[in-house]
Amino acid sequence: MNIEATRGRAVVVQPDEGPSYWQPLPANGFSDIKLSQENIGCDVLSAGFQTVAEGGRIRAHSHADELELQICFQGRGRVVVAGEEHPLCPGTTCFLGPGVSHEIINDSSNELVMLWVITPSGLDRFFAEIGRPRQPGEASPKPFSRPADIRAIEKVRGFRDIE
């Protein structure tokens, strides 16, 4: 589908609505999917929140052909973009073009919550493929490893491995 499929369409998603997935190490938190092809009707973008557990991180990576917007929504940490480290605090905004390496580090004692928007969509499916279904308010599971076929999943979803 293309953007014309969304003409005149609006979607409102409440905080506890939409799929949510526990994420494996090293992030060890969860991702809430708010906008995806399933509810907006096209694959132009997807959006959601990623909660990184204290001491967790999103390992260094880049995207082959995707544009990503990340905004720190809650908590504190660090973001490393193209080798340059920056502090993360609520309101910190990152635009990440294709091929730009980035890593998010939660070195605080609280959760770090990032709003993400990516175009075209696909990150939502990545979180579902590597994670485990989560219900709002559910206790965190024991940390678990990434799937054995993570490299194949990342390749399909447009990730470029950095580490």
C-alpha atoms as a PDB file:
ATOM      1  CA  MET A   1       0.000   0.000   0.000  1.00  0.00           C
ATOM      2  CA  ASN A   2       1.070   3.571  -0.465  1.00  0.00           C
ATOM      3  CA  ILE A   3       0.408   6.860   1.250  1.00  0.00           C
ATOM      4  CA  GLU A   4      -2.782   7.404  -0.798  1.00  0.00           C
ATOM      5  CA  ALA A   5      -4.332   4.552   1.192  1.00  0.00           C
ATOM      6  CA  THR A   6      -4.175   6.795   4.269  1.00  0.00           C
ATOM      7  CA  ARG A   7      -5.844   9.876   2.795  1.00  0.00           C
ATOM      8  CA  GLY A   8      -8.611  10.910   5.209  1.00  0.00           C
ATOM      9  CA  ARG A   9      -7.557   8.258   7.743  1.00  0.00           C
ATOM     10  CA  ALA A  10      -6.739   8.971  11.399  1.00  0.00           C
ATOM     11  CA  VAL A  11      -5.628   6.568  14.123  1.00  0.00           C
ATOM     12  CA  VAL A  12      -5.525   7.247  17.872  1.00  0.00           C
ATOM     13  CA  VAL A  13      -3.826   4.671  20.096  1.00  0.00           C
ATOM     14  CA  GLN A  14      -4.077   4.866  23.890  1.00  0.00           C
ATOM     15  CA  PRO A  15      -1.124   4.072  26.230  1.00  0.00           C
ATOM     16  CA  ASP A  16      -2.138   0.465  26.973  1.00  0.00           C
ATOM     17  CA  GLU A  17      -3.262  -0.296  23.415  1.00  0.00           C
ATOM     18  CA  GLY A  18      -1.273  -1.961  20.658  1.00  0.00           C
ATOM     19  CA  PRO A  19       1.076  -4.914  20.661  1.00  0.00           C
ATOM     20  CA  SER A  20       3.935  -4.991  23.150  1.00  0.00           C
ATOM     21  CA  TYR A  21       6.980  -7.268  23.179  1.00  0.00           C
ATOM     22  CA  TRP A  22       9.598  -8.076  25.803  1.00  0.00           C
ATOM     23  CA  GLN A  23      13.022  -7.566  24.248  1.00  0.00           C
ATOM     24  CA  PRO A  24      16.071  -9.783  24.637  1.00  0.00           C
ATOM     25  CA  LEU A  25      19.481  -8.871  25.954  1.00  0.00           C
ATOM     26  CA  PRO A  26      21.230  -6.469  25.757  1.00  0.00           C
ATOM     27  CA  ALA A  27      18.202  -4.082  25.779  1.00  0.00           C
ATOM     28  CA  ASN A  28      16.301  -6.251  28.257  1.00  0.00           C
ATOM     29  CA  GLY A  29      13.183  -4.085  28.284  1.00  0.00           C
ATOM     30  CA  PHE A  30      10.128  -3.927  26.043  1.00  0.00           C
ATOM     31  CA  SER A  31       8.776  -2.272  22.914  1.00  0.00           C
ATOM     32  CA  ASP A  32       5.245  -0.930  22.543  1.00  0.00           C
ATOM     33  CA  ILE A  33       4.071  -0.680  18.931  1.00  0.00           C
ATOM     34  CA  LYS A  34       1.682   2.234  18.410  1.00  0.00           C
ATOM     35  CA  LEU A  35       1.556   2.743  14.636  1.00  0.00           C
ATOM     36  CA  SER A  36       2.153   0.031  12.063  1.00  0.00           C
ATOM     37  CA  GLN A  37       0.940  -1.107   8.670  1.00  0.00           C
ATOM     38  CA  GLU A  38      -1.808  -3.029  10.463  1.00  0.00           C
ATOM     39  CA  ASN A  39      -3.494   0.060  11.918  1.00  0.00           C
ATOM     40  CA  ILE A  40      -2.498   2.917   9.592  1.00  0.00           C
ATOM     41  CA  GLY A  41      -3.078   1.045   6.346  1.00  0.00           C
ATOM     42  CA  CYS A  42       0.282   1.564   4.646  1.00  0.00           C
ATOM     43  CA  ASP A  43       3.963   0.792   5.126  1.00  0.00           C
ATOM     44  CA  VAL A  44       5.158   4.405   5.007  1.00  0.00           C
ATOM     45  CA  LEU A  45       6.143   4.426   8.688  1.00  0.00           C
ATOM     46  CA  SER A  46       5.849   2.732  12.041  1.00  0.00           C
ATOM     47  CA  ALA A  47       6.188   4.216  15.520  1.00  0.00           C
ATOM     48  CA  GLY A  48       6.283   3.223  19.154  1.00  0.00           C
ATOM     49  CA  PHE A  49       8.139   3.385  22.434  1.00  0.00           C
ATOM     50  CA  GLN A  50      11.132   1.314  23.470  1.00  0.00           C
ATOM     51  CA  THR A  51      11.810   0.945  27.174  1.00  0.00           C
ATOM     52  CA  VAL A  52      15.422   0.019  27.924  1.00  0.00           C
ATOM     53  CA  ALA A  53      15.905  -1.530  31.363  1.00  0.00           C
ATOM     54  CA  GLU A  54      18.436  -0.052  33.780  1.00  0.00           C
ATOM     55  CA  GLY A  55      21.902  -1.109  32.671  1.00  0.00           C
ATOM     56  CA  GLY A  56      20.554  -2.169  29.260  1.00  0.00           C
ATOM     57  CA  ARG A  57      21.504  -0.909  25.837  1.00  0.00           C
ATOM     58  CA  ILE A  58      20.508  -1.016  22.207  1.00  0.00           C
ATOM     59  CA  ARG A  59      23.654  -2.216  20.527  1.00  0.00           C
ATOM     60  CA  ALA A  60      25.381  -0.206  17.816  1.00  0.00           C
ATOM     61  CA  HIS A  61      23.710  -0.619  14.432  1.00  0.00           C
ATOM     62  CA  SER A  62      22.510   1.326  11.412  1.00  0.00           C
ATOM     63  CA  HIS A  63      19.692   0.951   8.905  1.00  0.00           C
ATOM     64  CA  ALA A  64      20.268   0.360   5.195  1.00  0.00           C
ATOM     65  CA  ASP A  65      17.469   2.459   3.702  1.00  0.00           C
ATOM     66  CA  GLU A  66      15.394   3.740   6.628  1.00  0.00           C
ATOM     67  CA  LEU A  67      15.136   7.160   8.244  1.00  0.00           C
ATOM     68  CA  GLU A  68      14.710   7.044  12.012  1.00  0.00           C
ATOM     69  CA  LEU A  69      13.617   9.691  14.480  1.00  0.00           C
ATOM     70  CA  GLN A  70      14.265   9.012  18.171  1.00  0.00           C
ATOM     71  CA  ILE A  71      13.141  11.219  21.047  1.00  0.00           C
ATOM     72  CA  CYS A  72      14.037  10.545  24.671  1.00  0.00           C
ATOM     73  CA  PHE A  73      10.688  10.468  26.427  1.00  0.00           C
ATOM     74  CA  GLN A  74      11.695   9.466  29.964  1.00  0.00           C
ATOM     75  CA  GLY A  75      14.883   8.712  31.866  1.00  0.00           C
ATOM     76  CA  ARG A  76      18.534   9.435  31.200  1.00  0.00           C
ATOM     77  CA  GLY A  77      21.376   7.743  29.405  1.00  0.00           C
ATOM     78  CA  ARG A  78      23.697   8.200  26.456  1.00  0.00           C
ATOM     79  CA  VAL A  79      23.398   7.927  22.700  1.00  0.00           C
ATOM     80  CA  VAL A  80      26.419   7.317  20.474  1.00  0.00           C
ATOM     81  CA  VAL A  81      25.812   8.579  16.930  1.00  0.00           C
ATOM     82  CA  ALA A  82      28.483   7.987  14.284  1.00  0.00           C
ATOM     83  CA  GLY A  83      31.042   7.520  17.071  1.00  0.00           C
ATOM     84  CA  GLU A  84      30.129  10.721  18.935  1.00  0.00           C
ATOM     85  CA  GLU A  85      28.598  10.413  22.403  1.00  0.00           C
ATOM     86  CA  HIS A  86      25.723  12.645  23.535  1.00  0.00           C
ATOM     87  CA  PRO A  87      23.699  12.750  26.774  1.00  0.00           C
ATOM     88  CA  LEU A  88      20.092  11.538  26.637  1.00  0.00           C
ATOM     89  CA  CYS A  89      17.440  13.266  28.723  1.00  0.00           C
ATOM     90  CA  PRO A  90      13.739  13.916  28.135  1.00  0.00           C
ATOM     91  CA  GLY A  91      13.411  15.901  24.915  1.00  0.00           C
ATOM     92  CA  THR A  92      16.732  14.864  23.353  1.00  0.00           C
ATOM     93  CA  THR A  93      15.922  14.347  19.665  1.00  0.00           C
ATOM     94  CA  CYS A  94      17.948  12.317  17.154  1.00  0.00           C
ATOM     95  CA  PHE A  95      17.506  12.189  13.376  1.00  0.00           C
ATOM     96  CA  LEU A  96      19.295   9.146  11.972  1.00  0.00           C
ATOM     97  CA  GLY A  97      19.664   8.789   8.221  1.00  0.00           C
ATOM     98  CA  PRO A  98      20.456   5.557   6.379  1.00  0.00           C
ATOM     99  CA  GLY A  99      23.886   4.177   7.232  1.00  0.00           C
ATOM    100  CA  VAL A 100      24.357   6.279  10.408  1.00  0.00           C
ATOM    101  CA  SER A 101      25.514   4.097  13.299  1.00  0.00           C
ATOM    102  CA  HIS A 102      23.759   4.606  16.611  1.00  0.00           C
ATOM    103  CA  GLU A 103      23.701   2.995  20.042  1.00  0.00           C
ATOM    104  CA  ILE A 104      21.568   3.796  23.094  1.00  0.00           C
ATOM    105  CA  ILE A 105      22.964   3.139  26.566  1.00  0.00           C
ATOM    106  CA  ASN A 106      20.956   3.251  29.775  1.00  0.00           C
ATOM    107  CA  ASP A 107      23.611   3.733  32.431  1.00  0.00           C
ATOM    108  CA  SER A 108      21.090   5.013  34.976  1.00  0.00           C
ATOM    109  CA  SER A 109      19.211   3.223  37.743  1.00  0.00           C
ATOM    110  CA  ASN A 110      15.828   3.854  36.070  1.00  0.00           C
ATOM    111  CA  GLU A 111      14.113   2.824  32.848  1.00  0.00           C
ATOM    112  CA  LEU A 112      14.962   4.797  29.704  1.00  0.00           C
ATOM    113  CA  VAL A 113      12.015   5.298  27.341  1.00  0.00           C
ATOM    114  CA  MET A 114      12.574   6.318  23.721  1.00  0.00           C
ATOM    115  CA  LEU A 115       9.908   7.296  21.200  1.00  0.00           C
ATOM    116  CA  TRP A 116      10.854   6.016  17.741  1.00  0.00           C
ATOM    117  CA  VAL A 117       9.449   6.708  14.297  1.00  0.00           C
ATOM    118  CA  ILE A 118      10.916   4.940  11.279  1.00  0.00           C
ATOM    119  CA  THR A 119      10.213   5.140   7.579  1.00  0.00           C
ATOM    120  CA  PRO A 120       9.550   2.928   5.815  1.00  0.00           C
ATOM    121  CA  SER A 121       8.013   0.625   8.408  1.00  0.00           C
ATOM    122  CA  GLY A 122       9.592  -2.625   9.550  1.00  0.00           C
ATOM    123  CA  LEU A 123      10.992  -1.946  13.007  1.00  0.00           C
ATOM    124  CA  ASP A 124       7.651  -2.985  14.491  1.00  0.00           C
ATOM    125  CA  ARG A 125       7.945  -6.412  12.854  1.00  0.00           C
ATOM    126  CA  PHE A 126      11.551  -6.720  14.023  1.00  0.00           C
ATOM    127  CA  PHE A 127      10.498  -6.226  17.660  1.00  0.00           C
ATOM    128  CA  ALA A 128       7.799  -8.888  17.261  1.00  0.00           C
ATOM    129  CA  GLU A 129      10.204 -11.351  15.624  1.00  0.00           C
ATOM    130  CA  ILE A 130      12.928 -11.128  18.267  1.00  0.00           C
ATOM    131  CA  GLY A 131      10.729 -10.516  21.312  1.00  0.00           C
ATOM    132  CA  ARG A 132       8.077 -12.243  23.367  1.00  0.00           C
ATOM    133  CA  PRO A 133       4.479 -11.019  23.707  1.00  0.00           C
ATOM    134  CA  ARG A 134       3.907  -8.742  26.711  1.00  0.00           C
ATOM    135  CA  GLN A 135       0.771  -7.640  28.540  1.00  0.00           C
ATOM    136  CA  PRO A 136       0.626  -4.187  30.210  1.00  0.00           C
ATOM    137  CA  GLY A 137       1.527  -4.398  33.902  1.00  0.00           C
ATOM    138  CA  GLU A 138       3.027  -7.874  33.559  1.00  0.00           C
ATOM    139  CA  ALA A 139       6.176  -8.604  35.611  1.00  0.00           C
ATOM    140  CA  SER A 140       9.433  -8.629  33.653  1.00  0.00           C
ATOM    141  CA  PRO A 141      10.618 -12.072  32.584  1.00  0.00           C
ATOM    142  CA  LYS A 142      14.106 -13.327  33.333  1.00  0.00           C
ATOM    143  CA  PRO A 143      16.538 -11.855  30.791  1.00  0.00           C
ATOM    144  CA  PHE A 144      16.614 -13.922  27.615  1.00  0.00           C
ATOM    145  CA  SER A 145      18.953 -14.184  24.651  1.00  0.00           C
ATOM    146  CA  ARG A 146      18.387 -12.958  21.137  1.00  0.00           C
ATOM    147  CA  PRO A 147      17.169 -15.573  18.624  1.00  0.00           C
ATOM    148  CA  ALA A 148      19.813 -17.784  17.025  1.00  0.00           C
ATOM    149  CA  ASP A 149      18.850 -16.414  13.589  1.00  0.00           C
ATOM    150  CA  ILE A 150      19.127 -12.748  14.650  1.00  0.00           C
ATOM    151  CA  ARG A 151      21.482 -11.839  11.776  1.00  0.00           C
ATOM    152  CA  ALA A 152      18.998 -13.129   9.181  1.00  0.00           C
ATOM    153  CA  ILE A 153      16.132 -11.250  10.862  1.00  0.00           C
ATOM    154  CA  GLU A 154      18.181  -8.040  10.983  1.00  0.00           C
ATOM    155  CA  LYS A 155      19.107  -8.360   7.318  1.00  0.00           C
ATOM    156  CA  VAL A 156      15.463  -8.754   6.262  1.00  0.00           C
ATOM    157  CA  ARG A 157      14.484  -5.746   8.399  1.00  0.00           C
ATOM    158  CA  GLY A 158      17.188  -3.446   6.981  1.00  0.00           C
ATOM    159  CA  PHE A 159      19.709  -3.468   9.821  1.00  0.00           C
ATOM    160  CA  ARG A 160      23.397  -3.088   9.189  1.00  0.00           C
ATOM    161  CA  ASP A 161      25.534  -4.682  11.865  1.00  0.00           C
ATOM    162  CA  ILE A 162      28.146  -2.432  13.453  1.00  0.00           C
ATOM    163  CA  GLU A 163      29.391  -4.519  16.391  1.00  0.00           C
END
